[in-house]
Amino acid sequence: LTFKEKESEIKRAPQSNRITLLTKEFGRGTDFKVMDDLVRNNGGPHVIQTFVSLQLSEEIQIKGRTARQGGEGSYSMVLI
């Protein structure tokens, strides 16, 4: 993705009625700002991690994408 495409995905991701699939590269240094009141009023964004992190710090970073700047959010890991 180009920088502009990445920024567009980040902006659209935390909107209601939307599922966004992203690679692990979005787990570090990415702030998903929730501007959607429906998402905010229903507990914030939910991040589902579908791989085992090789480093604990990476997993912590991915979990941190859910609740930024004191906002709410949730996280789960699903492995098949």
C-alpha atoms as a PDB file:
ATOM      1  CA  LEU A   1       0.000   0.000   0.000  1.00  0.00           C
ATOM      2  CA  THR A   2       1.084   3.524  -0.599  1.00  0.00           C
ATOM      3  CA  PHE A   3       1.251   5.916   2.348  1.00  0.00           C
ATOM      4  CA  LYS A   4      -1.987   7.571   1.177  1.00  0.00           C
ATOM      5  CA  GLU A   5      -3.797   4.196   0.907  1.00  0.00           C
ATOM      6  CA  LYS A   6      -2.591   3.180   4.374  1.00  0.00           C
ATOM      7  CA  GLU A   7      -3.803   6.455   5.884  1.00  0.00           C
ATOM      8  CA  SER A   8      -7.190   5.948   4.214  1.00  0.00           C
ATOM      9  CA  GLU A   9      -7.558   2.432   5.679  1.00  0.00           C
ATOM     10  CA  ILE A  10      -6.584   3.669   9.152  1.00  0.00           C
ATOM     11  CA  LYS A  11      -9.167   6.450   8.971  1.00  0.00           C
ATOM     12  CA  ARG A  12     -11.994   4.175   7.810  1.00  0.00           C
ATOM     13  CA  ALA A  13     -11.238   1.194  10.076  1.00  0.00           C
ATOM     14  CA  PRO A  14     -12.944   2.287  13.339  1.00  0.00           C
ATOM     15  CA  GLN A  15     -16.345   3.015  11.776  1.00  0.00           C
ATOM     16  CA  SER A  16     -19.622   1.247  12.574  1.00  0.00           C
ATOM     17  CA  ASN A  17     -20.899  -1.538  10.312  1.00  0.00           C
ATOM     18  CA  ARG A  18     -17.388  -2.212   9.075  1.00  0.00           C
ATOM     19  CA  ILE A  19     -14.899  -5.054   9.332  1.00  0.00           C
ATOM     20  CA  THR A  20     -11.340  -4.190   8.356  1.00  0.00           C
ATOM     21  CA  LEU A  21      -8.678  -6.853   7.783  1.00  0.00           C
ATOM     22  CA  LEU A  22      -5.132  -5.592   8.181  1.00  0.00           C
ATOM     23  CA  THR A  23      -1.691  -7.160   8.327  1.00  0.00           C
ATOM     24  CA  LYS A  24       0.428  -7.165  11.464  1.00  0.00           C
ATOM     25  CA  GLU A  25       2.387  -4.174  10.155  1.00  0.00           C
ATOM     26  CA  PHE A  26      -0.590  -2.032  11.233  1.00  0.00           C
ATOM     27  CA  GLY A  27      -0.104  -3.217  14.839  1.00  0.00           C
ATOM     28  CA  ARG A  28       2.778  -0.910  15.657  1.00  0.00           C
ATOM     29  CA  GLY A  29       2.660   2.852  15.515  1.00  0.00           C
ATOM     30  CA  THR A  30      -0.892   3.055  14.202  1.00  0.00           C
ATOM     31  CA  ASP A  31      -3.560   5.055  15.998  1.00  0.00           C
ATOM     32  CA  PHE A  32      -7.118   4.257  15.041  1.00  0.00           C
ATOM     33  CA  LYS A  33      -9.070   7.350  16.064  1.00  0.00           C
ATOM     34  CA  VAL A  34     -12.705   6.586  16.819  1.00  0.00           C
ATOM     35  CA  MET A  35     -14.868   9.419  15.541  1.00  0.00           C
ATOM     36  CA  ASP A  36     -18.020   7.280  15.198  1.00  0.00           C
ATOM     37  CA  ASP A  37     -20.384   7.750  18.166  1.00  0.00           C
ATOM     38  CA  LEU A  38     -22.026   4.369  17.551  1.00  0.00           C
ATOM     39  CA  VAL A  39     -18.669   2.609  17.912  1.00  0.00           C
ATOM     40  CA  ARG A  40     -17.677   4.746  20.906  1.00  0.00           C
ATOM     41  CA  ASN A  41     -21.013   4.191  22.700  1.00  0.00           C
ATOM     42  CA  ASN A  42     -20.843   0.419  22.182  1.00  0.00           C
ATOM     43  CA  GLY A  43     -17.464  -0.219  23.786  1.00  0.00           C
ATOM     44  CA  GLY A  44     -15.052   1.000  21.121  1.00  0.00           C
ATOM     45  CA  PRO A  45     -13.259  -0.975  18.414  1.00  0.00           C
ATOM     46  CA  HIS A  46     -12.550  -4.694  18.745  1.00  0.00           C
ATOM     47  CA  VAL A  47      -9.238  -6.091  17.476  1.00  0.00           C
ATOM     48  CA  ILE A  48      -8.960  -9.798  16.643  1.00  0.00           C
ATOM     49  CA  GLN A  49      -5.408 -11.109  16.336  1.00  0.00           C
ATOM     50  CA  THR A  50      -5.227 -14.242  14.149  1.00  0.00           C
ATOM     51  CA  PHE A  51      -1.562 -15.184  14.531  1.00  0.00           C
ATOM     52  CA  VAL A  52       0.895 -15.897  17.328  1.00  0.00           C
ATOM     53  CA  SER A  53       3.330 -13.051  17.851  1.00  0.00           C
ATOM     54  CA  LEU A  54       6.962 -14.041  17.940  1.00  0.00           C
ATOM     55  CA  GLN A  55       7.588 -11.282  20.468  1.00  0.00           C
ATOM     56  CA  LEU A  56       5.461 -10.361  23.477  1.00  0.00           C
ATOM     57  CA  SER A  57       6.060  -6.677  22.737  1.00  0.00           C
ATOM     58  CA  GLU A  58       4.353  -7.114  19.356  1.00  0.00           C
ATOM     59  CA  GLU A  59       1.282  -8.674  20.979  1.00  0.00           C
ATOM     60  CA  ILE A  60       1.127  -5.837  23.518  1.00  0.00           C
ATOM     61  CA  GLN A  61       1.299  -3.295  20.685  1.00  0.00           C
ATOM     62  CA  ILE A  62      -1.570  -5.004  18.846  1.00  0.00           C
ATOM     63  CA  LYS A  63      -3.689  -5.092  22.007  1.00  0.00           C
ATOM     64  CA  GLY A  64      -2.930  -1.394  22.423  1.00  0.00           C
ATOM     65  CA  ARG A  65      -4.638  -0.575  19.127  1.00  0.00           C
ATOM     66  CA  THR A  66      -8.008  -1.135  20.814  1.00  0.00           C
ATOM     67  CA  ALA A  67      -8.140   1.589  23.455  1.00  0.00           C
ATOM     68  CA  ARG A  68      -6.145   4.685  22.631  1.00  0.00           C
ATOM     69  CA  GLN A  69      -5.948   7.918  24.608  1.00  0.00           C
ATOM     70  CA  GLY A  70      -8.211   6.620  27.395  1.00  0.00           C
ATOM     71  CA  GLY A  71     -10.878   5.351  24.992  1.00  0.00           C
ATOM     72  CA  GLU A  72     -12.583   1.982  25.275  1.00  0.00           C
ATOM     73  CA  GLY A  73     -11.939  -1.077  23.159  1.00  0.00           C
ATOM     74  CA  SER A  74     -11.528  -4.857  23.310  1.00  0.00           C
ATOM     75  CA  TYR A  75      -9.169  -7.541  22.051  1.00  0.00           C
ATOM     76  CA  SER A  76      -9.191 -11.263  21.411  1.00  0.00           C
ATOM     77  CA  MET A  77      -6.874 -13.792  19.833  1.00  0.00           C
ATOM     78  CA  VAL A  78      -8.416 -16.395  17.533  1.00  0.00           C
ATOM     79  CA  LEU A  79      -6.232 -19.260  16.338  1.00  0.00           C
ATOM     80  CA  ILE A  80      -7.399 -22.176  14.236  1.00  0.00           C
END
